Amino acid sequence: MSQQEDKKVRRQRRLWHVRGKIRRTTARPRLSVFRSSKHISAQIIDDNTGRTLCAATSVGKEAAPQLVGKKKSEKAAVVGAAIAAKAKELGLEEVVFDRGYARYHGRVKALADAARAGGLKF
């Protein structure tokens, strides 16, 4: 197995390990976080129906004015506040945090802290 393939396999195993621990219910949808090298996105998913209830990302016209000149952790905090505001509009207060393959550190933690400050409970 090449080094690149090995990296993908390890990432996938981490993802399965984290997802396996998450209890999925209708009362508590999943707040899923995806982190790339430049951007971050979050979406709230109802696993019973398989539908995305709301989403926020650091890419696109909607977020662009707020993110100019900010560092990646600051952008993640803006995305966290945005997802919390959208969840509040839908009447969601409690979610299960799904960090995916990423460690709970840096940008992922900044997003989670901002979402908590916005009123979401994990």
PDB file of N, CA and C in Angstrom:
ATOM      1  N   MET A   1       0.846  -1.171   0.000  1.00  0.00           N
ATOM      2  CA  MET A   1       0.000   0.000   0.000  1.00  0.00           C
ATOM      3  C   MET A   1       0.894   1.238   0.000  1.00  0.00           C
ATOM      4  N   SER A   2       0.585   2.164  -0.875  1.00  0.00           N
ATOM      5  CA  SER A   2       1.390   3.378  -0.940  1.00  0.00           C
ATOM      6  C   SER A   2       1.083   4.270   0.259  1.00  0.00           C
ATOM      7  N   GLN A   3       1.918   5.249   0.456  1.00  0.00           N
ATOM      8  CA  GLN A   3       1.746   6.155   1.582  1.00  0.00           C
ATOM      9  C   GLN A   3       0.441   6.946   1.451  1.00  0.00           C
ATOM     10  N   GLN A   4       0.094   7.340   0.231  1.00  0.00           N
ATOM     11  CA  GLN A   4      -1.137   8.093  -0.006  1.00  0.00           C
ATOM     12  C   GLN A   4      -2.371   7.237   0.301  1.00  0.00           C
ATOM     13  N   GLU A   5      -2.357   5.974  -0.155  1.00  0.00           N
ATOM     14  CA  GLU A   5      -3.477   5.074   0.112  1.00  0.00           C
ATOM     15  C   GLU A   5      -3.606   4.798   1.603  1.00  0.00           C
ATOM     16  N   ASP A   6      -2.476   4.636   2.273  1.00  0.00           N
ATOM     17  CA  ASP A   6      -2.472   4.380   3.705  1.00  0.00           C
ATOM     18  C   ASP A   6      -3.086   5.555   4.460  1.00  0.00           C
ATOM     19  N   LYS A   7      -2.790   6.764   4.028  1.00  0.00           N
ATOM     20  CA  LYS A   7      -3.337   7.963   4.656  1.00  0.00           C
ATOM     21  C   LYS A   7      -4.864   7.998   4.518  1.00  0.00           C
ATOM     22  N   LYS A   8      -5.360   7.640   3.333  1.00  0.00           N
ATOM     23  CA  LYS A   8      -6.806   7.614   3.101  1.00  0.00           C
ATOM     24  C   LYS A   8      -7.488   6.556   3.964  1.00  0.00           C
ATOM     25  N   VAL A   9      -6.857   5.404   4.088  1.00  0.00           N
ATOM     26  CA  VAL A   9      -7.424   4.321   4.888  1.00  0.00           C
ATOM     27  C   VAL A   9      -7.491   4.724   6.357  1.00  0.00           C
ATOM     28  N   ARG A  10      -6.434   5.325   6.873  1.00  0.00           N
ATOM     29  CA  ARG A  10      -6.427   5.770   8.272  1.00  0.00           C
ATOM     30  C   ARG A  10      -7.498   6.818   8.517  1.00  0.00           C
ATOM     31  N   ARG A  11      -7.656   7.750   7.577  1.00  0.00           N
ATOM     32  CA  ARG A  11      -8.672   8.799   7.697  1.00  0.00           C
ATOM     33  C   ARG A  11     -10.068   8.182   7.721  1.00  0.00           C
ATOM     34  N   GLN A  12     -10.310   7.211   6.852  1.00  0.00           N
ATOM     35  CA  GLN A  12     -11.613   6.547   6.792  1.00  0.00           C
ATOM     36  C   GLN A  12     -11.900   5.770   8.078  1.00  0.00           C
ATOM     37  N   ARG A  13     -10.888   5.125   8.646  1.00  0.00           N
ATOM     38  CA  ARG A  13     -11.079   4.391   9.897  1.00  0.00           C
ATOM     39  C   ARG A  13     -11.410   5.334  11.043  1.00  0.00           C
ATOM     40  N   ARG A  14     -10.739   6.487  11.088  1.00  0.00           N
ATOM     41  CA  ARG A  14     -11.056   7.477  12.120  1.00  0.00           C
ATOM     42  C   ARG A  14     -12.501   7.930  11.984  1.00  0.00           C
ATOM     43  N   LEU A  15     -12.931   8.167  10.745  1.00  0.00           N
ATOM     44  CA  LEU A  15     -14.299   8.606  10.480  1.00  0.00           C
ATOM     45  C   LEU A  15     -15.302   7.564  10.975  1.00  0.00           C
ATOM     46  N   TRP A  16     -15.081   6.289  10.646  1.00  0.00           N
ATOM     47  CA  TRP A  16     -15.991   5.228  11.082  1.00  0.00           C
ATOM     48  C   TRP A  16     -16.010   5.114  12.600  1.00  0.00           C
ATOM     49  N   HIS A  17     -14.857   5.255  13.216  1.00  0.00           N
ATOM     50  CA  HIS A  17     -14.753   5.148  14.666  1.00  0.00           C
ATOM     51  C   HIS A  17     -15.586   6.234  15.345  1.00  0.00           C
ATOM     52  N   VAL A  18     -15.476   7.462  14.853  1.00  0.00           N
ATOM     53  CA  VAL A  18     -16.217   8.588  15.433  1.00  0.00           C
ATOM     54  C   VAL A  18     -17.711   8.422  15.183  1.00  0.00           C
ATOM     55  N   ARG A  19     -18.088   8.080  13.949  1.00  0.00           N
ATOM     56  CA  ARG A  19     -19.506   7.925  13.607  1.00  0.00           C
ATOM     57  C   ARG A  19     -20.156   6.787  14.380  1.00  0.00           C
ATOM     58  N   GLY A  20     -19.379   5.750  14.668  1.00  0.00           N
ATOM     59  CA  GLY A  20     -19.921   4.612  15.396  1.00  0.00           C
ATOM     60  C   GLY A  20     -20.335   4.959  16.812  1.00  0.00           C
ATOM     61  N   LYS A  21     -19.714   5.973  17.383  1.00  0.00           N
ATOM     62  CA  LYS A  21     -20.019   6.374  18.751  1.00  0.00           C
ATOM     63  C   LYS A  21     -21.246   7.278  18.848  1.00  0.00           C
ATOM     64  N   ILE A  22     -21.636   7.869  17.739  1.00  0.00           N
ATOM     65  CA  ILE A  22     -22.706   8.865  17.763  1.00  0.00           C
ATOM     66  C   ILE A  22     -24.065   8.173  17.824  1.00  0.00           C
ATOM     67  N   ARG A  23     -24.870   8.581  18.787  1.00  0.00           N
ATOM     68  CA  ARG A  23     -26.235   8.068  18.872  1.00  0.00           C
ATOM     69  C   ARG A  23     -27.128   8.960  18.026  1.00  0.00           C
ATOM     70  N   ARG A  24     -27.836   8.351  17.094  1.00  0.00           N
ATOM     71  CA  ARG A  24     -28.661   9.133  16.174  1.00  0.00           C
ATOM     72  C   ARG A  24     -30.135   9.005  16.550  1.00  0.00           C
ATOM     73  N   THR A  25     -30.753  10.138  16.806  1.00  0.00           N
ATOM     74  CA  THR A  25     -32.184  10.168  17.087  1.00  0.00           C
ATOM     75  C   THR A  25     -32.792  11.363  16.379  1.00  0.00           C
ATOM     76  N   THR A  26     -34.120  11.361  16.272  1.00  0.00           N
ATOM     77  CA  THR A  26     -34.779  12.499  15.629  1.00  0.00           C
ATOM     78  C   THR A  26     -34.693  13.728  16.511  1.00  0.00           C
ATOM     79  N   ALA A  27     -34.699  13.524  17.809  1.00  0.00           N
ATOM     80  CA  ALA A  27     -34.637  14.661  18.719  1.00  0.00           C
ATOM     81  C   ALA A  27     -33.276  15.355  18.648  1.00  0.00           C
ATOM     82  N   ARG A  28     -32.249  14.586  18.291  1.00  0.00           N
ATOM     83  CA  ARG A  28     -30.906  15.160  18.222  1.00  0.00           C
ATOM     84  C   ARG A  28     -30.285  14.882  16.863  1.00  0.00           C
ATOM     85  N   PRO A  29     -30.428  15.815  15.941  1.00  0.00           N
ATOM     86  CA  PRO A  29     -29.777  15.639  14.641  1.00  0.00           C
ATOM     87  C   PRO A  29     -28.263  15.792  14.778  1.00  0.00           C
ATOM     88  N   ARG A  30     -27.550  15.462  13.728  1.00  0.00           N
ATOM     89  CA  ARG A  30     -26.086  15.435  13.739  1.00  0.00           C
ATOM     90  C   ARG A  30     -25.522  16.707  13.117  1.00  0.00           C
ATOM     91  N   LEU A  31     -24.606  17.374  13.833  1.00  0.00           N
ATOM     92  CA  LEU A  31     -23.873  18.522  13.296  1.00  0.00           C
ATOM     93  C   LEU A  31     -22.562  17.986  12.743  1.00  0.00           C
ATOM     94  N   SER A  32     -22.490  17.846  11.432  1.00  0.00           N
ATOM     95  CA  SER A  32     -21.337  17.261  10.762  1.00  0.00           C
ATOM     96  C   SER A  32     -20.406  18.364  10.267  1.00  0.00           C
ATOM     97  N   VAL A  33     -19.113  18.213  10.537  1.00  0.00           N
ATOM     98  CA  VAL A  33     -18.113  19.216  10.160  1.00  0.00           C
ATOM     99  C   VAL A  33     -17.167  18.622   9.128  1.00  0.00           C
ATOM    100  N   PHE A  34     -16.917  19.377   8.055  1.00  0.00           N
ATOM    101  CA  PHE A  34     -15.926  18.986   7.064  1.00  0.00           C
ATOM    102  C   PHE A  34     -14.877  20.085   6.988  1.00  0.00           C
ATOM    103  N   ARG A  35     -13.613  19.688   7.073  1.00  0.00           N
ATOM    104  CA  ARG A  35     -12.505  20.637   7.053  1.00  0.00           C
ATOM    105  C   ARG A  35     -11.581  20.280   5.902  1.00  0.00           C
ATOM    106  N   SER A  36     -11.309  21.267   5.053  1.00  0.00           N
ATOM    107  CA  SER A  36     -10.303  21.082   4.007  1.00  0.00           C
ATOM    108  C   SER A  36      -9.100  21.946   4.371  1.00  0.00           C
ATOM    109  N   SER A  37      -8.137  22.026   3.485  1.00  0.00           N
ATOM    110  CA  SER A  37      -6.940  22.805   3.807  1.00  0.00           C
ATOM    111  C   SER A  37      -7.224  24.305   3.862  1.00  0.00           C
ATOM    112  N   LYS A  38      -8.222  24.782   3.112  1.00  0.00           N
ATOM    113  CA  LYS A  38      -8.522  26.214   3.084  1.00  0.00           C
ATOM    114  C   LYS A  38      -9.857  26.587   3.715  1.00  0.00           C
ATOM    115  N   HIS A  39     -10.839  25.700   3.647  1.00  0.00           N
ATOM    116  CA  HIS A  39     -12.194  26.056   4.046  1.00  0.00           C
ATOM    117  C   HIS A  39     -12.748  25.076   5.064  1.00  0.00           C
ATOM    118  N   ILE A  40     -13.898  25.449   5.630  1.00  0.00           N
ATOM    119  CA  ILE A  40     -14.595  24.590   6.577  1.00  0.00           C
ATOM    120  C   ILE A  40     -16.086  24.731   6.327  1.00  0.00           C
ATOM    121  N   SER A  41     -16.799  23.634   6.514  1.00  0.00           N
ATOM    122  CA  SER A  41     -18.248  23.688   6.356  1.00  0.00           C
ATOM    123  C   SER A  41     -18.895  22.819   7.419  1.00  0.00           C
ATOM    124  N   ALA A  42     -20.138  23.153   7.737  1.00  0.00           N
ATOM    125  CA  ALA A  42     -20.895  22.405   8.727  1.00  0.00           C
ATOM    126  C   ALA A  42     -22.320  22.258   8.229  1.00  0.00           C
ATOM    127  N   GLN A  43     -22.905  21.115   8.529  1.00  0.00           N
ATOM    128  CA  GLN A  43     -24.303  20.910   8.178  1.00  0.00           C
ATOM    129  C   GLN A  43     -24.985  20.108   9.271  1.00  0.00           C
ATOM    130  N   ILE A  44     -26.261  20.375   9.451  1.00  0.00           N
ATOM    131  CA  ILE A  44     -27.051  19.640  10.421  1.00  0.00           C
ATOM    132  C   ILE A  44     -27.905  18.654   9.647  1.00  0.00           C
ATOM    133  N   ILE A  45     -27.757  17.367   9.988  1.00  0.00           N
ATOM    134  CA  ILE A  45     -28.370  16.285   9.229  1.00  0.00           C
ATOM    135  C   ILE A  45     -29.318  15.493  10.125  1.00  0.00           C
ATOM    136  N   ASP A  46     -30.513  15.212   9.604  1.00  0.00           N
ATOM    137  CA  ASP A  46     -31.440  14.302  10.262  1.00  0.00           C
ATOM    138  C   ASP A  46     -31.184  12.920   9.676  1.00  0.00           C
ATOM    139  N   ASP A  47     -30.576  12.033  10.446  1.00  0.00           N
ATOM    140  CA  ASP A  47     -30.179  10.722   9.933  1.00  0.00           C
ATOM    141  C   ASP A  47     -31.357   9.786   9.702  1.00  0.00           C
ATOM    142  N   ASN A  48     -32.476  10.034  10.356  1.00  0.00           N
ATOM    143  CA  ASN A  48     -33.639   9.172  10.149  1.00  0.00           C
ATOM    144  C   ASN A  48     -34.233   9.353   8.758  1.00  0.00           C
ATOM    145  N   THR A  49     -34.244  10.589   8.270  1.00  0.00           N
ATOM    146  CA  THR A  49     -34.783  10.854   6.933  1.00  0.00           C
ATOM    147  C   THR A  49     -33.682  10.995   5.898  1.00  0.00           C
ATOM    148  N   GLY A  50     -32.444  11.193   6.354  1.00  0.00           N
ATOM    149  CA  GLY A  50     -31.325  11.360   5.426  1.00  0.00           C
ATOM    150  C   GLY A  50     -31.296  12.724   4.774  1.00  0.00           C
ATOM    151  N   ARG A  51     -31.897  13.715   5.422  1.00  0.00           N
ATOM    152  CA  ARG A  51     -31.965  15.058   4.842  1.00  0.00           C
ATOM    153  C   ARG A  51     -31.075  16.033   5.600  1.00  0.00           C
ATOM    154  N   THR A  52     -30.514  16.977   4.856  1.00  0.00           N
ATOM    155  CA  THR A  52     -29.762  18.066   5.458  1.00  0.00           C
ATOM    156  C   THR A  52     -30.747  19.155   5.841  1.00  0.00           C
ATOM    157  N   LEU A  53     -30.759  19.536   7.114  1.00  0.00           N
ATOM    158  CA  LEU A  53     -31.708  20.532   7.594  1.00  0.00           C
ATOM    159  C   LEU A  53     -31.214  21.949   7.336  1.00  0.00           C
ATOM    160  N   CYS A  54     -29.926  22.191   7.569  1.00  0.00           N
ATOM    161  CA  CYS A  54     -29.334  23.494   7.267  1.00  0.00           C
ATOM    162  C   CYS A  54     -27.825  23.325   7.150  1.00  0.00           C
ATOM    163  N   ALA A  55     -27.184  24.302   6.521  1.00  0.00           N
ATOM    164  CA  ALA A  55     -25.739  24.221   6.296  1.00  0.00           C
ATOM    165  C   ALA A  55     -25.131  25.613   6.307  1.00  0.00           C
ATOM    166  N   ALA A  56     -23.845  25.668   6.627  1.00  0.00           N
ATOM    167  CA  ALA A  56     -23.076  26.913   6.570  1.00  0.00           C
ATOM    168  C   ALA A  56     -21.666  26.559   6.129  1.00  0.00           C
ATOM    169  N   THR A  57     -21.056  27.444   5.362  1.00  0.00           N
ATOM    170  CA  THR A  57     -19.726  27.170   4.831  1.00  0.00           C
ATOM    171  C   THR A  57     -18.921  28.455   4.715  1.00  0.00           C
ATOM    172  N   SER A  58     -17.610  28.302   4.606  1.00  0.00           N
ATOM    173  CA  SER A  58     -16.740  29.464   4.427  1.00  0.00           C
ATOM    174  C   SER A  58     -16.530  29.767   2.951  1.00  0.00           C
ATOM    175  N   VAL A  59     -17.204  29.024   2.079  1.00  0.00           N
ATOM    176  CA  VAL A  59     -17.104  29.226   0.635  1.00  0.00           C
ATOM    177  C   VAL A  59     -18.408  29.841   0.153  1.00  0.00           C
ATOM    178  N   GLY A  60     -18.315  30.786  -0.774  1.00  0.00           N
ATOM    179  CA  GLY A  60     -19.535  31.298  -1.386  1.00  0.00           C
ATOM    180  C   GLY A  60     -19.797  32.761  -1.115  1.00  0.00           C
ATOM    181  N   LYS A  61     -20.771  33.283  -1.826  1.00  0.00           N
ATOM    182  CA  LYS A  61     -21.092  34.705  -1.757  1.00  0.00           C
ATOM    183  C   LYS A  61     -21.699  35.106  -0.423  1.00  0.00           C
ATOM    184  N   GLU A  62     -22.449  34.193   0.184  1.00  0.00           N
ATOM    185  CA  GLU A  62     -23.128  34.495   1.436  1.00  0.00           C
ATOM    186  C   GLU A  62     -22.142  34.827   2.558  1.00  0.00           C
ATOM    187  N   ALA A  63     -21.052  34.097   2.621  1.00  0.00           N
ATOM    188  CA  ALA A  63     -20.086  34.258   3.705  1.00  0.00           C
ATOM    189  C   ALA A  63     -18.938  35.199   3.361  1.00  0.00           C
ATOM    190  N   ALA A  64     -18.736  35.487   2.097  1.00  0.00           N
ATOM    191  CA  ALA A  64     -17.556  36.232   1.650  1.00  0.00           C
ATOM    192  C   ALA A  64     -17.336  37.572   2.353  1.00  0.00           C
ATOM    193  N   PRO A  65     -18.348  38.435   2.509  1.00  0.00           N
ATOM    194  CA  PRO A  65     -18.083  39.741   3.132  1.00  0.00           C
ATOM    195  C   PRO A  65     -17.595  39.648   4.579  1.00  0.00           C
ATOM    196  N   GLN A  66     -18.057  38.640   5.315  1.00  0.00           N
ATOM    197  CA  GLN A  66     -17.674  38.509   6.720  1.00  0.00           C
ATOM    198  C   GLN A  66     -16.289  37.908   6.902  1.00  0.00           C
ATOM    199  N   LEU A  67     -15.775  37.244   5.883  1.00  0.00           N
ATOM    200  CA  LEU A  67     -14.546  36.473   6.038  1.00  0.00           C
ATOM    201  C   LEU A  67     -13.304  37.119   5.446  1.00  0.00           C
ATOM    202  N   VAL A  68     -13.447  38.272   4.842  1.00  0.00           N
ATOM    203  CA  VAL A  68     -12.307  38.922   4.195  1.00  0.00           C
ATOM    204  C   VAL A  68     -11.258  39.295   5.243  1.00  0.00           C
ATOM    205  N   GLY A  69     -10.028  38.854   5.023  1.00  0.00           N
ATOM    206  CA  GLY A  69      -8.911  39.212   5.890  1.00  0.00           C
ATOM    207  C   GLY A  69      -8.847  38.451   7.197  1.00  0.00           C
ATOM    208  N   LYS A  70      -9.634  37.403   7.353  1.00  0.00           N
ATOM    209  CA  LYS A  70      -9.610  36.641   8.599  1.00  0.00           C
ATOM    210  C   LYS A  70      -8.787  35.370   8.437  1.00  0.00           C
ATOM    211  N   LYS A  71      -8.278  34.899   9.558  1.00  0.00           N
ATOM    212  CA  LYS A  71      -7.530  33.646   9.557  1.00  0.00           C
ATOM    213  C   LYS A  71      -8.506  32.473   9.558  1.00  0.00           C
ATOM    214  N   LYS A  72      -7.975  31.276   9.324  1.00  0.00           N
ATOM    215  CA  LYS A  72      -8.838  30.103   9.171  1.00  0.00           C
ATOM    216  C   LYS A  72      -9.638  29.787  10.437  1.00  0.00           C
ATOM    217  N   SER A  73      -9.052  29.958  11.606  1.00  0.00           N
ATOM    218  CA  SER A  73      -9.787  29.696  12.845  1.00  0.00           C
ATOM    219  C   SER A  73     -10.897  30.717  13.051  1.00  0.00           C
ATOM    220  N   GLU A  74     -10.635  31.955  12.661  1.00  0.00           N
ATOM    221  CA  GLU A  74     -11.660  32.994  12.762  1.00  0.00           C
ATOM    222  C   GLU A  74     -12.801  32.721  11.785  1.00  0.00           C
ATOM    223  N   LYS A  75     -12.461  32.223  10.597  1.00  0.00           N
ATOM    224  CA  LYS A  75     -13.489  31.850   9.617  1.00  0.00           C
ATOM    225  C   LYS A  75     -14.349  30.715  10.164  1.00  0.00           C
ATOM    226  N   ALA A  76     -13.716  29.762  10.829  1.00  0.00           N
ATOM    227  CA  ALA A  76     -14.451  28.642  11.412  1.00  0.00           C
ATOM    228  C   ALA A  76     -15.423  29.128  12.480  1.00  0.00           C
ATOM    229  N   ALA A  77     -15.014  30.122  13.259  1.00  0.00           N
ATOM    230  CA  ALA A  77     -15.898  30.676  14.283  1.00  0.00           C
ATOM    231  C   ALA A  77     -17.111  31.356  13.648  1.00  0.00           C
ATOM    232  N   VAL A  78     -16.907  32.051  12.536  1.00  0.00           N
ATOM    233  CA  VAL A  78     -18.020  32.690  11.825  1.00  0.00           C
ATOM    234  C   VAL A  78     -18.988  31.626  11.303  1.00  0.00           C
ATOM    235  N   VAL A  79     -18.452  30.541  10.765  1.00  0.00           N
ATOM    236  CA  VAL A  79     -19.292  29.444  10.261  1.00  0.00           C
ATOM    237  C   VAL A  79     -20.062  28.805  11.417  1.00  0.00           C
ATOM    238  N   GLY A  80     -19.423  28.635  12.565  1.00  0.00           N
ATOM    239  CA  GLY A  80     -20.095  28.073  13.739  1.00  0.00           C
ATOM    240  C   GLY A  80     -21.244  28.940  14.217  1.00  0.00           C
ATOM    241  N   ALA A  81     -21.029  30.250  14.230  1.00  0.00           N
ATOM    242  CA  ALA A  81     -22.104  31.164  14.623  1.00  0.00           C
ATOM    243  C   ALA A  81     -23.243  31.130  13.607  1.00  0.00           C
ATOM    244  N   ALA A  82     -22.901  31.018  12.325  1.00  0.00           N
ATOM    245  CA  ALA A  82     -23.922  30.982  11.274  1.00  0.00           C
ATOM    246  C   ALA A  82     -24.772  29.716  11.366  1.00  0.00           C
ATOM    247  N   ILE A  83     -24.141  28.580  11.618  1.00  0.00           N
ATOM    248  CA  ILE A  83     -24.903  27.330  11.708  1.00  0.00           C
ATOM    249  C   ILE A  83     -25.791  27.344  12.952  1.00  0.00           C
ATOM    250  N   ALA A  84     -25.324  27.962  14.031  1.00  0.00           N
ATOM    251  CA  ALA A  84     -26.146  28.069  15.240  1.00  0.00           C
ATOM    252  C   ALA A  84     -27.363  28.951  14.985  1.00  0.00           C
ATOM    253  N   ALA A  85     -27.172  30.052  14.260  1.00  0.00           N
ATOM    254  CA  ALA A  85     -28.290  30.946  13.947  1.00  0.00           C
ATOM    255  C   ALA A  85     -29.322  30.246  13.061  1.00  0.00           C
ATOM    256  N   LYS A  86     -28.850  29.501  12.066  1.00  0.00           N
ATOM    257  CA  LYS A  86     -29.772  28.780  11.180  1.00  0.00           C
ATOM    258  C   LYS A  86     -30.521  27.686  11.940  1.00  0.00           C
ATOM    259  N   ALA A  87     -29.839  27.037  12.869  1.00  0.00           N
ATOM    260  CA  ALA A  87     -30.486  25.995  13.669  1.00  0.00           C
ATOM    261  C   ALA A  87     -31.561  26.598  14.572  1.00  0.00           C
ATOM    262  N   LYS A  88     -31.279  27.759  15.134  1.00  0.00           N
ATOM    263  CA  LYS A  88     -32.253  28.445  15.987  1.00  0.00           C
ATOM    264  C   LYS A  88     -33.510  28.796  15.198  1.00  0.00           C
ATOM    265  N   GLU A  89     -33.332  29.225  13.935  1.00  0.00           N
ATOM    266  CA  GLU A  89     -34.478  29.548  13.084  1.00  0.00           C
ATOM    267  C   GLU A  89     -35.367  28.327  12.871  1.00  0.00           C
ATOM    268  N   LEU A  90     -34.752  27.145  12.797  1.00  0.00           N
ATOM    269  CA  LEU A  90     -35.505  25.903  12.600  1.00  0.00           C
ATOM    270  C   LEU A  90     -36.048  25.330  13.909  1.00  0.00           C
ATOM    271  N   GLY A  91     -35.666  25.944  15.025  1.00  0.00           N
ATOM    272  CA  GLY A  91     -36.137  25.467  16.320  1.00  0.00           C
ATOM    273  C   GLY A  91     -35.303  24.340  16.905  1.00  0.00           C
ATOM    274  N   LEU A  92     -34.087  24.172  16.415  1.00  0.00           N
ATOM    275  CA  LEU A  92     -33.193  23.130  16.930  1.00  0.00           C
ATOM    276  C   LEU A  92     -32.333  23.701  18.047  1.00  0.00           C
ATOM    277  N   GLU A  93     -32.267  22.982  19.154  1.00  0.00           N
ATOM    278  CA  GLU A  93     -31.429  23.427  20.266  1.00  0.00           C
ATOM    279  C   GLU A  93     -30.336  22.423  20.607  1.00  0.00           C
ATOM    280  N   GLU A  94     -30.631  21.131  20.423  1.00  0.00           N
ATOM    281  CA  GLU A  94     -29.660  20.089  20.760  1.00  0.00           C
ATOM    282  C   GLU A  94     -29.244  19.329  19.516  1.00  0.00           C
ATOM    283  N   VAL A  95     -27.945  19.107  19.384  1.00  0.00           N
ATOM    284  CA  VAL A  95     -27.397  18.335  18.273  1.00  0.00           C
ATOM    285  C   VAL A  95     -26.311  17.403  18.805  1.00  0.00           C
ATOM    286  N   VAL A  96     -25.935  16.443  17.988  1.00  0.00           N
ATOM    287  CA  VAL A  96     -24.792  15.582  18.281  1.00  0.00           C
ATOM    288  C   VAL A  96     -23.649  16.071  17.406  1.00  0.00           C
ATOM    289  N   PHE A  97     -22.498  16.343  17.995  1.00  0.00           N
ATOM    290  CA  PHE A  97     -21.368  16.888  17.246  1.00  0.00           C
ATOM    291  C   PHE A  97     -20.584  15.764  16.584  1.00  0.00           C
ATOM    292  N   ASP A  98     -20.457  15.844  15.259  1.00  0.00           N
ATOM    293  CA  ASP A  98     -19.718  14.851  14.472  1.00  0.00           C
ATOM    294  C   ASP A  98     -18.508  15.548  13.861  1.00  0.00           C
ATOM    295  N   ARG A  99     -17.345  15.318  14.439  1.00  0.00           N
ATOM    296  CA  ARG A  99     -16.133  15.975  13.957  1.00  0.00           C
ATOM    297  C   ARG A  99     -15.543  15.270  12.751  1.00  0.00           C
ATOM    298  N   GLY A 100     -16.086  14.117  12.393  1.00  0.00           N
ATOM    299  CA  GLY A 100     -15.584  13.373  11.243  1.00  0.00           C
ATOM    300  C   GLY A 100     -14.205  12.817  11.520  1.00  0.00           C
ATOM    301  N   TYR A 101     -13.312  12.942  10.552  1.00  0.00           N
ATOM    302  CA  TYR A 101     -11.955  12.414  10.707  1.00  0.00           C
ATOM    303  C   TYR A 101     -11.027  13.393  11.412  1.00  0.00           C
ATOM    304  N   ALA A 102     -11.451  14.638  11.580  1.00  0.00           N
ATOM    305  CA  ALA A 102     -10.584  15.684  12.126  1.00  0.00           C
ATOM    306  C   ALA A 102     -10.537  15.613  13.649  1.00  0.00           C
ATOM    307  N   ARG A 103      -9.422  15.977  14.209  1.00  0.00           N
ATOM    308  CA  ARG A 103      -9.296  16.032  15.656  1.00  0.00           C
ATOM    309  C   ARG A 103     -10.045  17.246  16.189  1.00  0.00           C
ATOM    310  N   TYR A 104     -10.487  17.158  17.434  1.00  0.00           N
ATOM    311  CA  TYR A 104     -11.180  18.274  18.078  1.00  0.00           C
ATOM    312  C   TYR A 104     -10.117  19.262  18.556  1.00  0.00           C
ATOM    313  N   HIS A 105      -9.659  20.081  17.631  1.00  0.00           N
ATOM    314  CA  HIS A 105      -8.551  20.993  17.894  1.00  0.00           C
ATOM    315  C   HIS A 105      -8.568  22.062  16.815  1.00  0.00           C
ATOM    316  N   GLY A 106      -8.107  23.249  17.118  1.00  0.00           N
ATOM    317  CA  GLY A 106      -7.955  24.289  16.105  1.00  0.00           C
ATOM    318  C   GLY A 106      -9.271  24.752  15.519  1.00  0.00           C
ATOM    319  N   ARG A 107      -9.412  24.596  14.199  1.00  0.00           N
ATOM    320  CA  ARG A 107     -10.598  25.096  13.496  1.00  0.00           C
ATOM    321  C   ARG A 107     -11.870  24.364  13.896  1.00  0.00           C
ATOM    322  N   VAL A 108     -11.770  23.060  14.111  1.00  0.00           N
ATOM    323  CA  VAL A 108     -12.954  22.291  14.506  1.00  0.00           C
ATOM    324  C   VAL A 108     -13.429  22.747  15.883  1.00  0.00           C
ATOM    325  N   LYS A 109     -12.500  22.971  16.786  1.00  0.00           N
ATOM    326  CA  LYS A 109     -12.846  23.445  18.124  1.00  0.00           C
ATOM    327  C   LYS A 109     -13.412  24.860  18.069  1.00  0.00           C
ATOM    328  N   ALA A 110     -12.843  25.730  17.230  1.00  0.00           N
ATOM    329  CA  ALA A 110     -13.343  27.099  17.094  1.00  0.00           C
ATOM    330  C   ALA A 110     -14.784  27.098  16.591  1.00  0.00           C
ATOM    331  N   LEU A 111     -15.083  26.235  15.622  1.00  0.00           N
ATOM    332  CA  LEU A 111     -16.447  26.125  15.105  1.00  0.00           C
ATOM    333  C   LEU A 111     -17.394  25.645  16.206  1.00  0.00           C
ATOM    334  N   ALA A 112     -16.984  24.634  16.954  1.00  0.00           N
ATOM    335  CA  ALA A 112     -17.827  24.085  18.019  1.00  0.00           C
ATOM    336  C   ALA A 112     -18.080  25.114  19.115  1.00  0.00           C
ATOM    337  N   ASP A 113     -17.046  25.843  19.511  1.00  0.00           N
ATOM    338  CA  ASP A 113     -17.195  26.859  20.553  1.00  0.00           C
ATOM    339  C   ASP A 113     -18.144  27.969  20.114  1.00  0.00           C
ATOM    340  N   ALA A 114     -18.037  28.390  18.854  1.00  0.00           N
ATOM    341  CA  ALA A 114     -18.920  29.439  18.341  1.00  0.00           C
ATOM    342  C   ALA A 114     -20.359  28.941  18.247  1.00  0.00           C
ATOM    343  N   ALA A 115     -20.543  27.680  17.879  1.00  0.00           N
ATOM    344  CA  ALA A 115     -21.894  27.116  17.814  1.00  0.00           C
ATOM    345  C   ALA A 115     -22.505  27.034  19.214  1.00  0.00           C
ATOM    346  N   ARG A 116     -21.686  26.663  20.199  1.00  0.00           N
ATOM    347  CA  ARG A 116     -22.171  26.633  21.585  1.00  0.00           C
ATOM    348  C   ARG A 116     -22.532  28.035  22.061  1.00  0.00           C
ATOM    349  N   ALA A 117     -21.683  29.006  21.724  1.00  0.00           N
ATOM    350  CA  ALA A 117     -21.955  30.389  22.112  1.00  0.00           C
ATOM    351  C   ALA A 117     -23.231  30.900  21.442  1.00  0.00           C
ATOM    352  N   GLY A 118     -23.536  30.372  20.261  1.00  0.00           N
ATOM    353  CA  GLY A 118     -24.755  30.751  19.546  1.00  0.00           C
ATOM    354  C   GLY A 118     -26.006  30.085  20.086  1.00  0.00           C
ATOM    355  N   GLY A 119     -25.854  29.169  21.037  1.00  0.00           N
ATOM    356  CA  GLY A 119     -27.013  28.576  21.684  1.00  0.00           C
ATOM    357  C   GLY A 119     -27.236  27.101  21.429  1.00  0.00           C
ATOM    358  N   LEU A 120     -26.391  26.449  20.645  1.00  0.00           N
ATOM    359  CA  LEU A 120     -26.555  25.011  20.416  1.00  0.00           C
ATOM    360  C   LEU A 120     -25.983  24.231  21.592  1.00  0.00           C
ATOM    361  N   LYS A 121     -26.633  23.132  21.928  1.00  0.00           N
ATOM    362  CA  LYS A 121     -26.149  22.254  22.992  1.00  0.00           C
ATOM    363  C   LYS A 121     -25.701  20.950  22.364  1.00  0.00           C
ATOM    364  N   PHE A 122     -24.516  20.494  22.768  1.00  0.00           N
ATOM    365  CA  PHE A 122     -23.988  19.223  22.255  1.00  0.00           C
ATOM    366  C   PHE A 122     -24.195  18.157  23.304  1.00  0.00           C
TER     367      PHE A 122
END
